[in-house]
Protein backbone atom coordinates (compact mmCIF):
# COMPACT_ATOMS: atom_id res chain seq x y z
CA MET A 1 0.08 0.01 -0.01
CA ASN A 2 1.40 3.36 -0.88
CA SER A 3 1.15 6.53 1.19
CA GLU A 4 -1.58 7.99 -1.06
CA ASP A 5 -3.85 4.93 -0.19
CA VAL A 6 -2.98 5.42 3.54
CA ARG A 7 -4.00 9.06 3.46
CA ASP A 8 -7.27 8.22 1.69
CA LEU A 9 -8.02 5.63 4.12
CA ASN A 10 -7.17 8.10 6.95
CA ARG A 11 -9.57 10.60 5.50
CA ASN A 12 -12.35 8.03 4.93
CA LEU A 13 -11.71 6.80 8.50
CA LYS A 14 -12.06 10.44 9.97
CA LYS A 15 -15.30 11.08 7.86
CA SER A 16 -16.80 7.99 9.15
CA VAL A 17 -15.71 8.67 12.76
CA LYS A 18 -17.16 12.23 12.35
CA SER A 19 -20.49 10.83 10.84
CA LEU A 20 -20.72 8.31 13.74
CA ASP A 21 -19.95 11.06 16.37
CA MET A 22 -22.81 13.05 14.86
CA VAL A 23 -25.30 10.13 14.90
CA ILE A 24 -24.40 9.55 18.46
CA GLU A 25 -24.96 13.09 19.41
CA GLY A 26 -28.33 12.94 17.74
CA PHE A 27 -29.07 9.84 19.81
CA GLU A 28 -27.75 11.42 22.91
CA LYS A 29 -30.15 14.46 22.35
CA LYS A 30 -33.21 12.14 21.74
CA ILE A 31 -32.52 10.01 24.64
CA ARG A 32 -32.11 13.14 26.86
CA LYS A 33 -35.23 14.51 25.63
CA ILE A 34 -37.11 11.30 26.15
CA VAL A 35 -35.66 10.93 29.59
CA GLN A 36 -36.69 14.48 30.43
CA VAL A 37 -40.16 14.06 29.24
CA ASN A 38 -40.56 10.83 31.33
CA LEU A 39 -39.08 12.65 34.28
CA ASN A 40 -41.56 15.42 33.93
CA LYS A 41 -44.42 12.88 33.73
CA LEU A 42 -43.09 11.17 36.84
CA GLU A 43 -42.91 14.40 38.62
CA LYS A 44 -46.54 15.31 37.72
CA LEU A 45 -47.52 11.65 38.85
CA GLU A 46 -45.81 12.06 42.09
CA LEU A 47 -47.42 15.33 42.73
CA LYS A 48 -50.95 13.96 42.06
CA ALA A 49 -50.06 10.91 44.33
CA ASN A 50 -49.07 13.32 47.10
CA ARG A 51 -52.24 15.20 46.71
CA MET A 52 -54.35 11.93 46.81
CA MET A 53 -52.42 10.73 49.87
CA ARG A 54 -53.12 14.07 51.67
CA LYS A 55 -56.89 13.69 50.81
CA LEU A 56 -57.13 10.07 51.92
CA THR A 57 -55.29 11.00 55.16
CA VAL A 58 -57.85 13.48 55.82
CA LYS A 59 -60.57 11.16 55.10
CA LEU A 60 -59.07 8.60 57.32
CA VAL A 61 -58.63 10.79 60.27
CA ALA A 62 -62.21 11.83 59.82
CA LEU A 63 -63.37 8.12 59.62
CA GLU A 64 -61.29 7.23 62.76
CA GLY A 65 -62.97 10.25 64.58
CA ASP A 66 -66.36 8.98 63.57
CA GLU A 67 -65.61 5.37 64.55
CA GLU A 68 -68.11 5.53 67.44
CA THR A 69 -70.80 7.15 65.25
CA ILE A 70 -70.15 4.32 62.61
CA GLN A 71 -70.52 1.61 65.26
CA GLN A 72 -73.81 3.09 66.57
CA ALA A 73 -75.18 3.41 62.97
CA LEU A 74 -74.28 -0.24 62.22
CA LYS A 75 -75.89 -1.36 65.49
CA GLY A 76 -78.99 0.39 64.45
CA GLN A 77 -79.00 -1.26 61.07
CA VAL A 78 -78.71 -4.60 62.65
CA GLY A 79 -81.63 -3.90 64.90
CA ALA A 80 -83.74 -2.74 61.76
CA PHE A 81 -82.71 -5.77 59.77
CA SER A 82 -83.85 -8.10 62.63
CA ASN A 83 -87.11 -6.16 62.65
CA ILE A 84 -87.50 -6.56 58.90
CA GLU A 85 -86.68 -10.25 59.14
CA GLU A 86 -89.42 -10.74 62.02
CA MET A 87 -91.97 -8.64 59.84
CA PHE A 88 -91.24 -10.77 56.84
CA PHE A 89 -91.96 -14.13 58.82
CA ILE A 90 -95.11 -12.49 60.12
CA LEU A 91 -96.30 -11.48 56.67
CA TYR A 92 -95.44 -14.93 55.35
CA HIS A 93 -97.32 -16.65 58.20
CA ASN A 94 -100.43 -14.43 57.37
CA ILE A 95 -100.26 -14.99 53.62
CA ARG A 96 -100.16 -18.78 54.24
CA GLN A 97 -103.12 -18.44 56.78
CA ASN A 98 -105.04 -16.25 54.44
CA GLN A 99 -104.48 -18.68 51.46
CA PHE A 100 -105.88 -21.43 53.55
CA LEU A 101 -108.75 -19.43 54.73
CA PHE A 102 -109.54 -18.20 51.24
CA ALA A 103 -109.46 -21.67 49.93
CA ASN A 104 -111.70 -23.04 52.53
CA ASP A 105 -114.11 -20.34 53.61
CA GLU A 106 -114.22 -17.54 50.91
CA LYS A 107 -117.02 -15.56 52.37
CA THR A 108 -115.13 -15.20 55.83
CA TRP A 109 -111.96 -14.26 54.04
CA TRP A 110 -113.62 -11.48 52.04
CA LYS A 111 -115.59 -10.34 55.14
CA GLU A 112 -112.41 -9.97 57.16
CA PHE A 113 -110.49 -8.47 54.21
CA LEU A 114 -113.23 -5.71 53.81
CA GLU A 115 -113.28 -5.15 57.50
CA LEU A 116 -109.44 -4.69 57.70
CA LYS A 117 -109.48 -2.39 54.60
CA GLN A 118 -112.09 -0.22 56.15
CA LEU A 119 -109.95 -0.13 59.51
CA TYR A 120 -107.01 0.91 57.71
CA LYS A 121 -108.82 3.75 55.72
CA GLU A 122 -110.16 5.14 59.02
CA GLN A 123 -106.88 4.91 60.83
CA ASN A 124 -104.94 6.61 58.07
CA GLU A 125 -107.68 9.16 57.14
CA GLY A 126 -106.06 12.60 56.51
CA LYS A 127 -102.60 11.23 56.42
CA ASP A 128 -100.30 11.10 53.43
CA VAL A 129 -100.05 7.36 52.82
CA ILE A 130 -98.07 5.98 49.78
């Protein structure tokens, strides 16, 4: 190889290195930009998460303060549900009894039904009943 060929190779090598350096710089800029955008997104998410945590903490503190109130409300609900259950069984029993009475003595059933309906109207006269 002569000296001219070596110089050409060196020039080509320098051009290739310079071209590669420019490509690498472009990649570095793109990577920095992508990383910065993602960091900005992470910071926004962190701020949002911190706001949510503060709100949640306030709600938890309020709930802890109202623990006794919640327990009283739950006790009341348990009592109401037991009353509903008892009323359901009473209604079920009355329906069964009325079915038997209607099937066996229709006239007596109608008489009792009309008397009950009249009594209900008298008791609720002037009241807003749904």
